[in-house]
């Protein structure tokens, strides 16, 4: 049977592990957004400065294309995996 100190140490170890994993996931997401920004405008900085680098046509098309992809990916997933529940029914 475990004692309270052992239980506390196990809980603390899991907390440290999950906190570290969460922090690394946040860094990975942020770096992936920076990579996407570099791919589209070849500059890294704030989003307003990146948008200012785009010509007016791309400023309009970029969010439209992003929204189209954001709609297309779940639609495609639902088509490829018929039992996938994407909405509350």
PDB file of N, CA and C in Angstrom:
ATOM      1  N   UNK A   1       0.840  -1.174   0.000  1.00  0.00           N
ATOM      2  CA  UNK A   1       0.000   0.000   0.000  1.00  0.00           C
ATOM      3  C   UNK A   1       0.896   1.253   0.000  1.00  0.00           C
ATOM      4  N   UNK A   2       0.540   2.193  -0.834  1.00  0.00           N
ATOM      5  CA  UNK A   2       1.322   3.422  -0.912  1.00  0.00           C
ATOM      6  C   UNK A   2       0.987   4.343   0.253  1.00  0.00           C
ATOM      7  N   UNK A   3       1.970   5.139   0.575  1.00  0.00           N
ATOM      8  CA  UNK A   3       1.678   6.145   1.599  1.00  0.00           C
ATOM      9  C   UNK A   3       1.394   7.487   0.915  1.00  0.00           C
ATOM     10  N   UNK A   4       1.044   8.485   1.682  1.00  0.00           N
ATOM     11  CA  UNK A   4       0.643   9.779   1.128  1.00  0.00           C
ATOM     12  C   UNK A   4       1.790  10.477   0.416  1.00  0.00           C
ATOM     13  N   UNK A   5       3.001  10.322   0.901  1.00  0.00           N
ATOM     14  CA  UNK A   5       4.159  10.969   0.271  1.00  0.00           C
ATOM     15  C   UNK A   5       4.386  10.384  -1.114  1.00  0.00           C
ATOM     16  N   UNK A   6       4.298   9.075  -1.247  1.00  0.00           N
ATOM     17  CA  UNK A   6       4.485   8.435  -2.543  1.00  0.00           C
ATOM     18  C   UNK A   6       3.394   8.874  -3.516  1.00  0.00           C
ATOM     19  N   UNK A   7       2.163   8.912  -3.058  1.00  0.00           N
ATOM     20  CA  UNK A   7       1.061   9.380  -3.911  1.00  0.00           C
ATOM     21  C   UNK A   7       1.307  10.820  -4.362  1.00  0.00           C
ATOM     22  N   UNK A   8       1.771  11.650  -3.444  1.00  0.00           N
ATOM     23  CA  UNK A   8       2.037  13.047  -3.776  1.00  0.00           C
ATOM     24  C   UNK A   8       3.155  13.143  -4.810  1.00  0.00           C
ATOM     25  N   UNK A   9       4.218  12.349  -4.659  1.00  0.00           N
ATOM     26  CA  UNK A   9       5.334  12.378  -5.603  1.00  0.00           C
ATOM     27  C   UNK A   9       4.904  11.896  -6.995  1.00  0.00           C
ATOM     28  N   UNK A  10       4.092  10.863  -7.041  1.00  0.00           N
ATOM     29  CA  UNK A  10       3.599  10.374  -8.329  1.00  0.00           C
ATOM     30  C   UNK A  10       2.737  11.441  -9.001  1.00  0.00           C
ATOM     31  N   UNK A  11       1.864  12.068  -8.235  1.00  0.00           N
ATOM     32  CA  UNK A  11       1.020  13.135  -8.777  1.00  0.00           C
ATOM     33  C   UNK A  11       1.877  14.305  -9.256  1.00  0.00           C
ATOM     34  N   UNK A  12       2.878  14.676  -8.483  1.00  0.00           N
ATOM     35  CA  UNK A  12       3.769  15.776  -8.871  1.00  0.00           C
ATOM     36  C   UNK A  12       4.536  15.429 -10.134  1.00  0.00           C
ATOM     37  N   UNK A  13       4.997  14.195 -10.260  1.00  0.00           N
ATOM     38  CA  UNK A  13       5.728  13.781 -11.461  1.00  0.00           C
ATOM     39  C   UNK A  13       4.831  13.851 -12.694  1.00  0.00           C
ATOM     40  N   UNK A  14       3.596  13.374 -12.573  1.00  0.00           N
ATOM     41  CA  UNK A  14       2.662  13.458 -13.689  1.00  0.00           C
ATOM     42  C   UNK A  14       2.359  14.913 -14.045  1.00  0.00           C
ATOM     43  N   UNK A  15       2.245  15.749 -13.038  1.00  0.00           N
ATOM     44  CA  UNK A  15       1.976  17.164 -13.280  1.00  0.00           C
ATOM     45  C   UNK A  15       3.116  17.812 -14.050  1.00  0.00           C
ATOM     46  N   UNK A  16       4.339  17.522 -13.643  1.00  0.00           N
ATOM     47  CA  UNK A  16       5.506  18.070 -14.347  1.00  0.00           C
ATOM     48  C   UNK A  16       5.556  17.546 -15.783  1.00  0.00           C
ATOM     49  N   UNK A  17       5.313  16.251 -15.949  1.00  0.00           N
ATOM     50  CA  UNK A  17       5.341  15.653 -17.283  1.00  0.00           C
ATOM     51  C   UNK A  17       4.288  16.278 -18.195  1.00  0.00           C
ATOM     52  N   UNK A  18       3.051  16.385 -17.718  1.00  0.00           N
ATOM     53  CA  UNK A  18       1.977  16.943 -18.539  1.00  0.00           C
ATOM     54  C   UNK A  18       2.190  18.431 -18.806  1.00  0.00           C
ATOM     55  N   UNK A  19       2.698  19.156 -17.830  1.00  0.00           N
ATOM     56  CA  UNK A  19       2.999  20.570 -18.050  1.00  0.00           C
ATOM     57  C   UNK A  19       4.078  20.767 -19.093  1.00  0.00           C
ATOM     58  N   UNK A  20       5.107  19.940 -19.041  1.00  0.00           N
ATOM     59  CA  UNK A  20       6.182  20.016 -20.039  1.00  0.00           C
ATOM     60  C   UNK A  20       5.663  19.646 -21.421  1.00  0.00           C
ATOM     61  N   UNK A  21       4.859  18.597 -21.507  1.00  0.00           N
ATOM     62  CA  UNK A  21       4.294  18.193 -22.794  1.00  0.00           C
ATOM     63  C   UNK A  21       3.397  19.291 -23.363  1.00  0.00           C
ATOM     64  N   UNK A  22       2.617  19.934 -22.520  1.00  0.00           N
ATOM     65  CA  UNK A  22       1.743  21.022 -22.971  1.00  0.00           C
ATOM     66  C   UNK A  22       2.559  22.211 -23.467  1.00  0.00           C
ATOM     67  N   UNK A  23       3.605  22.544 -22.745  1.00  0.00           N
ATOM     68  CA  UNK A  23       4.453  23.658 -23.154  1.00  0.00           C
ATOM     69  C   UNK A  23       5.118  23.375 -24.494  1.00  0.00           C
ATOM     70  N   UNK A  24       5.604  22.165 -24.674  1.00  0.00           N
ATOM     71  CA  UNK A  24       6.233  21.798 -25.947  1.00  0.00           C
ATOM     72  C   UNK A  24       5.220  21.812 -27.088  1.00  0.00           C
ATOM     73  N   UNK A  25       3.993  21.394 -26.816  1.00  0.00           N
ATOM     74  CA  UNK A  25       2.950  21.437 -27.847  1.00  0.00           C
ATOM     75  C   UNK A  25       2.650  22.880 -28.245  1.00  0.00           C
ATOM     76  N   UNK A  26       2.611  23.781 -27.269  1.00  0.00           N
ATOM     77  CA  UNK A  26       2.377  25.207 -27.562  1.00  0.00           C
ATOM     78  C   UNK A  26       3.487  25.776 -28.432  1.00  0.00           C
ATOM     79  N   UNK A  27       4.713  25.434 -28.111  1.00  0.00           N
ATOM     80  CA  UNK A  27       5.854  25.903 -28.907  1.00  0.00           C
ATOM     81  C   UNK A  27       5.767  25.347 -30.325  1.00  0.00           C
ATOM     82  N   UNK A  28       5.393  24.081 -30.462  1.00  0.00           N
ATOM     83  CA  UNK A  28       5.280  23.470 -31.788  1.00  0.00           C
ATOM     84  C   UNK A  28       4.202  24.151 -32.624  1.00  0.00           C
ATOM     85  N   UNK A  29       3.069  24.479 -32.003  1.00  0.00           N
ATOM     86  CA  UNK A  29       1.993  25.160 -32.733  1.00  0.00           C
ATOM     87  C   UNK A  29       2.451  26.546 -33.165  1.00  0.00           C
ATOM     88  N   UNK A  30       3.099  27.264 -32.259  1.00  0.00           N
ATOM     89  CA  UNK A  30       3.561  28.615 -32.599  1.00  0.00           C
ATOM     90  C   UNK A  30       4.586  28.584 -33.728  1.00  0.00           C
ATOM     91  N   UNK A  31       5.510  27.632 -33.671  1.00  0.00           N
ATOM     92  CA  UNK A  31       6.519  27.527 -34.723  1.00  0.00           C
ATOM     93  C   UNK A  31       5.898  27.110 -36.061  1.00  0.00           C
ATOM     94  N   UNK A  32       4.868  26.274 -36.009  1.00  0.00           N
ATOM     95  CA  UNK A  32       4.209  25.888 -37.268  1.00  0.00           C
ATOM     96  C   UNK A  32       3.498  27.088 -37.887  1.00  0.00           C
ATOM     97  N   UNK A  33       2.915  27.969 -37.054  1.00  0.00           N
ATOM     98  CA  UNK A  33       2.304  29.178 -37.590  1.00  0.00           C
ATOM     99  C   UNK A  33       3.369  30.101 -38.191  1.00  0.00           C
ATOM    100  N   UNK A  34       4.517  30.178 -37.550  1.00  0.00           N
ATOM    101  CA  UNK A  34       5.606  30.994 -38.111  1.00  0.00           C
ATOM    102  C   UNK A  34       6.074  30.418 -39.440  1.00  0.00           C
ATOM    103  N   UNK A  35       6.127  29.082 -39.537  1.00  0.00           N
ATOM    104  CA  UNK A  35       6.511  28.443 -40.792  1.00  0.00           C
ATOM    105  C   UNK A  35       5.501  28.764 -41.885  1.00  0.00           C
ATOM    106  N   UNK A  36       4.218  28.677 -41.565  1.00  0.00           N
ATOM    107  CA  UNK A  36       3.195  29.030 -42.557  1.00  0.00           C
ATOM    108  C   UNK A  36       3.323  30.484 -42.984  1.00  0.00           C
ATOM    109  N   UNK A  37       3.593  31.358 -42.027  1.00  0.00           N
ATOM    110  CA  UNK A  37       3.770  32.768 -42.357  1.00  0.00           C
ATOM    111  C   UNK A  37       4.968  32.944 -43.286  1.00  0.00           C
ATOM    112  N   UNK A  38       6.048  32.240 -43.021  1.00  0.00           N
ATOM    113  CA  UNK A  38       7.232  32.326 -43.870  1.00  0.00           C
ATOM    114  C   UNK A  38       6.919  31.797 -45.265  1.00  0.00           C
ATOM    115  N   UNK A  39       6.161  30.718 -45.352  1.00  0.00           N
ATOM    116  CA  UNK A  39       5.815  30.138 -46.653  1.00  0.00           C
ATOM    117  C   UNK A  39       5.001  31.131 -47.479  1.00  0.00           C
ATOM    118  N   UNK A  40       4.049  31.831 -46.845  1.00  0.00           N
ATOM    119  CA  UNK A  40       3.158  32.699 -47.605  1.00  0.00           C
ATOM    120  C   UNK A  40       3.706  34.099 -47.863  1.00  0.00           C
ATOM    121  N   UNK A  41       4.473  34.680 -46.950  1.00  0.00           N
ATOM    122  CA  UNK A  41       4.954  36.054 -47.159  1.00  0.00           C
ATOM    123  C   UNK A  41       6.472  36.197 -47.079  1.00  0.00           C
ATOM    124  N   UNK A  42       7.187  35.116 -46.838  1.00  0.00           N
ATOM    125  CA  UNK A  42       8.647  35.104 -46.741  1.00  0.00           C
ATOM    126  C   UNK A  42       9.193  36.085 -45.705  1.00  0.00           C
ATOM    127  N   UNK A  43       8.417  36.347 -44.672  1.00  0.00           N
ATOM    128  CA  UNK A  43       8.858  37.176 -43.544  1.00  0.00           C
ATOM    129  C   UNK A  43       8.250  36.618 -42.270  1.00  0.00           C
ATOM    130  N   UNK A  44       8.959  36.800 -41.172  1.00  0.00           N
ATOM    131  CA  UNK A  44       8.453  36.388 -39.872  1.00  0.00           C
ATOM    132  C   UNK A  44       8.334  37.639 -39.012  1.00  0.00           C
ATOM    133  N   UNK A  45       7.207  37.812 -38.395  1.00  0.00           N
ATOM    134  CA  UNK A  45       6.955  38.969 -37.540  1.00  0.00           C
ATOM    135  C   UNK A  45       5.523  38.913 -37.066  1.00  0.00           C
ATOM    136  N   UNK A  46       4.974  40.074 -36.778  1.00  0.00           N
ATOM    137  CA  UNK A  46       3.584  40.105 -36.338  1.00  0.00           C
ATOM    138  C   UNK A  46       2.664  39.897 -37.540  1.00  0.00           C
ATOM    139  N   UNK A  47       1.459  39.426 -37.276  1.00  0.00           N
ATOM    140  CA  UNK A  47       0.512  39.192 -38.368  1.00  0.00           C
ATOM    141  C   UNK A  47       0.138  40.472 -39.116  1.00  0.00           C
ATOM    142  N   UNK A  48      -0.061  41.602 -38.420  1.00  0.00           N
ATOM    143  CA  UNK A  48      -0.353  42.831 -39.180  1.00  0.00           C
ATOM    144  C   UNK A  48       0.786  43.242 -40.114  1.00  0.00           C
ATOM    145  N   UNK A  49       2.034  43.071 -39.671  1.00  0.00           N
ATOM    146  CA  UNK A  49       3.146  43.427 -40.564  1.00  0.00           C
ATOM    147  C   UNK A  49       3.233  42.455 -41.729  1.00  0.00           C
ATOM    148  N   UNK A  50       2.907  41.185 -41.491  1.00  0.00           N
ATOM    149  CA  UNK A  50       2.896  40.208 -42.588  1.00  0.00           C
ATOM    150  C   UNK A  50       1.787  40.549 -43.576  1.00  0.00           C
ATOM    151  N   UNK A  51       0.621  40.934 -43.070  1.00  0.00           N
ATOM    152  CA  UNK A  51      -0.486  41.306 -43.958  1.00  0.00           C
ATOM    153  C   UNK A  51      -0.147  42.548 -44.763  1.00  0.00           C
ATOM    154  N   UNK A  52       0.592  43.471 -44.159  1.00  0.00           N
ATOM    155  CA  UNK A  52       0.974  44.686 -44.866  1.00  0.00           C
ATOM    156  C   UNK A  52       1.905  44.388 -46.033  1.00  0.00           C
ATOM    157  N   UNK A  53       2.620  43.264 -45.973  1.00  0.00           N
ATOM    158  CA  UNK A  53       3.532  42.882 -47.051  1.00  0.00           C
ATOM    159  C   UNK A  53       2.788  42.342 -48.278  1.00  0.00           C
ATOM    160  N   UNK A  54       1.543  41.918 -48.083  1.00  0.00           N
ATOM    161  CA  UNK A  54       0.781  41.340 -49.188  1.00  0.00           C
ATOM    162  C   UNK A  54       0.181  42.435 -50.056  1.00  0.00           C
ATOM    163  N   UNK A  55       0.043  42.114 -51.347  1.00  0.00           N
ATOM    164  CA  UNK A  55      -0.652  43.067 -52.213  1.00  0.00           C
ATOM    165  C   UNK A  55      -2.155  42.970 -51.915  1.00  0.00           C
ATOM    166  N   UNK A  56      -2.942  43.957 -52.303  1.00  0.00           N
ATOM    167  CA  UNK A  56      -4.366  43.966 -51.949  1.00  0.00           C
ATOM    168  C   UNK A  56      -5.123  42.711 -52.401  1.00  0.00           C
ATOM    169  N   UNK A  57      -4.815  42.179 -53.534  1.00  0.00           N
ATOM    170  CA  UNK A  57      -5.494  40.980 -54.005  1.00  0.00           C
ATOM    171  C   UNK A  57      -5.244  39.786 -53.097  1.00  0.00           C
ATOM    172  N   UNK A  58      -4.006  39.627 -52.679  1.00  0.00           N
ATOM    173  CA  UNK A  58      -3.689  38.511 -51.767  1.00  0.00           C
ATOM    174  C   UNK A  58      -4.269  38.744 -50.386  1.00  0.00           C
ATOM    175  N   UNK A  59      -4.410  39.994 -49.985  1.00  0.00           N
ATOM    176  CA  UNK A  59      -5.035  40.277 -48.683  1.00  0.00           C
ATOM    177  C   UNK A  59      -6.484  39.814 -48.655  1.00  0.00           C
ATOM    178  N   UNK A  60      -7.139  39.876 -49.795  1.00  0.00           N
ATOM    179  CA  UNK A  60      -8.526  39.421 -49.877  1.00  0.00           C
ATOM    180  C   UNK A  60      -8.582  37.906 -50.032  1.00  0.00           C
ATOM    181  N   UNK A  61      -7.724  37.346 -50.893  1.00  0.00           N
ATOM    182  CA  UNK A  61      -7.793  35.918 -51.201  1.00  0.00           C
ATOM    183  C   UNK A  61      -7.288  35.022 -50.077  1.00  0.00           C
ATOM    184  N   UNK A  62      -6.303  35.459 -49.318  1.00  0.00           N
ATOM    185  CA  UNK A  62      -5.714  34.598 -48.289  1.00  0.00           C
ATOM    186  C   UNK A  62      -6.734  34.146 -47.245  1.00  0.00           C
ATOM    187  N   UNK A  63      -7.528  35.036 -46.631  1.00  0.00           N
ATOM    188  CA  UNK A  63      -8.516  34.541 -45.667  1.00  0.00           C
ATOM    189  C   UNK A  63      -9.628  33.719 -46.318  1.00  0.00           C
ATOM    190  N   UNK A  64      -9.974  34.045 -47.566  1.00  0.00           N
ATOM    191  CA  UNK A  64     -11.000  33.267 -48.264  1.00  0.00           C
ATOM    192  C   UNK A  64     -10.503  31.849 -48.492  1.00  0.00           C
ATOM    193  N   UNK A  65      -9.271  31.711 -48.961  1.00  0.00           N
ATOM    194  CA  UNK A  65      -8.700  30.377 -49.182  1.00  0.00           C
ATOM    195  C   UNK A  65      -8.524  29.633 -47.860  1.00  0.00           C
ATOM    196  N   UNK A  66      -8.125  30.335 -46.810  1.00  0.00           N
ATOM    197  CA  UNK A  66      -7.987  29.704 -45.498  1.00  0.00           C
ATOM    198  C   UNK A  66      -9.322  29.169 -44.993  1.00  0.00           C
ATOM    199  N   UNK A  67     -10.379  29.942 -45.184  1.00  0.00           N
ATOM    200  CA  UNK A  67     -11.707  29.488 -44.772  1.00  0.00           C
ATOM    201  C   UNK A  67     -12.160  28.300 -45.608  1.00  0.00           C
ATOM    202  N   UNK A  68     -11.860  28.330 -46.903  1.00  0.00           N
ATOM    203  CA  UNK A  68     -12.232  27.211 -47.771  1.00  0.00           C
ATOM    204  C   UNK A  68     -11.530  25.925 -47.334  1.00  0.00           C
ATOM    205  N   UNK A  69     -10.259  26.027 -46.993  1.00  0.00           N
ATOM    206  CA  UNK A  69      -9.527  24.846 -46.522  1.00  0.00           C
ATOM    207  C   UNK A  69     -10.080  24.388 -45.181  1.00  0.00           C
ATOM    208  N   UNK A  70     -10.406  25.338 -44.304  1.00  0.00           N
ATOM    209  CA  UNK A  70     -10.951  24.985 -42.988  1.00  0.00           C
ATOM    210  C   UNK A  70     -12.302  24.282 -43.106  1.00  0.00           C
ATOM    211  N   UNK A  71     -13.052  24.566 -44.148  1.00  0.00           N
ATOM    212  CA  UNK A  71     -14.324  23.880 -44.374  1.00  0.00           C
ATOM    213  C   UNK A  71     -14.088  22.544 -45.083  1.00  0.00           C
ATOM    214  N   UNK A  72     -13.142  22.529 -46.011  1.00  0.00           N
ATOM    215  CA  UNK A  72     -12.894  21.338 -46.829  1.00  0.00           C
ATOM    216  C   UNK A  72     -12.324  20.176 -46.018  1.00  0.00           C
ATOM    217  N   UNK A  73     -11.430  20.446 -45.096  1.00  0.00           N
ATOM    218  CA  UNK A  73     -10.772  19.367 -44.343  1.00  0.00           C
ATOM    219  C   UNK A  73     -11.781  18.542 -43.533  1.00  0.00           C
ATOM    220  N   UNK A  74     -12.656  19.142 -42.714  1.00  0.00           N
ATOM    221  CA  UNK A  74     -13.647  18.310 -42.008  1.00  0.00           C
ATOM    222  C   UNK A  74     -14.627  17.613 -42.959  1.00  0.00           C
ATOM    223  N   UNK A  75     -15.000  18.288 -44.049  1.00  0.00           N
ATOM    224  CA  UNK A  75     -15.893  17.673 -45.026  1.00  0.00           C
ATOM    225  C   UNK A  75     -15.252  16.429 -45.617  1.00  0.00           C
ATOM    226  N   UNK A  76     -13.984  16.537 -45.992  1.00  0.00           N
ATOM    227  CA  UNK A  76     -13.262  15.400 -46.557  1.00  0.00           C
ATOM    228  C   UNK A  76     -13.107  14.286 -45.525  1.00  0.00           C
ATOM    229  N   UNK A  77     -12.817  14.658 -44.294  1.00  0.00           N
ATOM    230  CA  UNK A  77     -12.684  13.645 -43.241  1.00  0.00           C
ATOM    231  C   UNK A  77     -13.991  12.905 -43.042  1.00  0.00           C
ATOM    232  N   UNK A  78     -15.096  13.606 -43.086  1.00  0.00           N
ATOM    233  CA  UNK A  78     -16.396  12.963 -42.911  1.00  0.00           C
ATOM    234  C   UNK A  78     -16.709  12.049 -44.087  1.00  0.00           C
ATOM    235  N   UNK A  79     -16.283  12.423 -45.286  1.00  0.00           N
ATOM    236  CA  UNK A  79     -16.496  11.578 -46.458  1.00  0.00           C
ATOM    237  C   UNK A  79     -15.639  10.314 -46.396  1.00  0.00           C
ATOM    238  N   UNK A  80     -14.386  10.472 -45.963  1.00  0.00           N
ATOM    239  CA  UNK A  80     -13.467   9.336 -45.939  1.00  0.00           C
ATOM    240  C   UNK A  80     -13.744   8.407 -44.771  1.00  0.00           C
ATOM    241  N   UNK A  81     -14.244   8.953 -43.662  1.00  0.00           N
ATOM    242  CA  UNK A  81     -14.556   8.162 -42.471  1.00  0.00           C
ATOM    243  C   UNK A  81     -16.048   8.360 -42.183  1.00  0.00           C
ATOM    244  N   UNK A  82     -16.905   7.534 -42.758  1.00  0.00           N
ATOM    245  CA  UNK A  82     -18.351   7.761 -42.665  1.00  0.00           C
ATOM    246  C   UNK A  82     -18.903   7.796 -41.245  1.00  0.00           C
ATOM    247  N   UNK A  83     -18.316   7.061 -40.308  1.00  0.00           N
ATOM    248  CA  UNK A  83     -18.831   7.026 -38.943  1.00  0.00           C
ATOM    249  C   UNK A  83     -18.311   8.159 -38.074  1.00  0.00           C
ATOM    250  N   UNK A  84     -17.528   9.040 -38.643  1.00  0.00           N
ATOM    251  CA  UNK A  84     -16.965  10.143 -37.878  1.00  0.00           C
ATOM    252  C   UNK A  84     -18.063  11.165 -37.586  1.00  0.00           C
ATOM    253  N   UNK A  85     -18.273  11.448 -36.309  1.00  0.00           N
ATOM    254  CA  UNK A  85     -19.318  12.391 -35.911  1.00  0.00           C
ATOM    255  C   UNK A  85     -18.702  13.769 -35.734  1.00  0.00           C
ATOM    256  N   UNK A  86     -18.996  14.672 -36.655  1.00  0.00           N
ATOM    257  CA  UNK A  86     -18.449  16.024 -36.591  1.00  0.00           C
ATOM    258  C   UNK A  86     -19.470  17.030 -36.072  1.00  0.00           C
ATOM    259  N   UNK A  87     -20.708  16.615 -35.947  1.00  0.00           N
ATOM    260  CA  UNK A  87     -21.723  17.534 -35.442  1.00  0.00           C
ATOM    261  C   UNK A  87     -22.547  16.839 -34.369  1.00  0.00           C
ATOM    262  N   UNK A  88     -23.139  17.627 -33.541  1.00  0.00           N
ATOM    263  CA  UNK A  88     -24.004  17.068 -32.489  1.00  0.00           C
ATOM    264  C   UNK A  88     -25.358  16.730 -33.066  1.00  0.00           C
ATOM    265  N   UNK A  89     -25.678  15.455 -33.089  1.00  0.00           N
ATOM    266  CA  UNK A  89     -26.992  15.051 -33.631  1.00  0.00           C
ATOM    267  C   UNK A  89     -27.772  14.300 -32.582  1.00  0.00           C
TER     268      UNK A  89
END
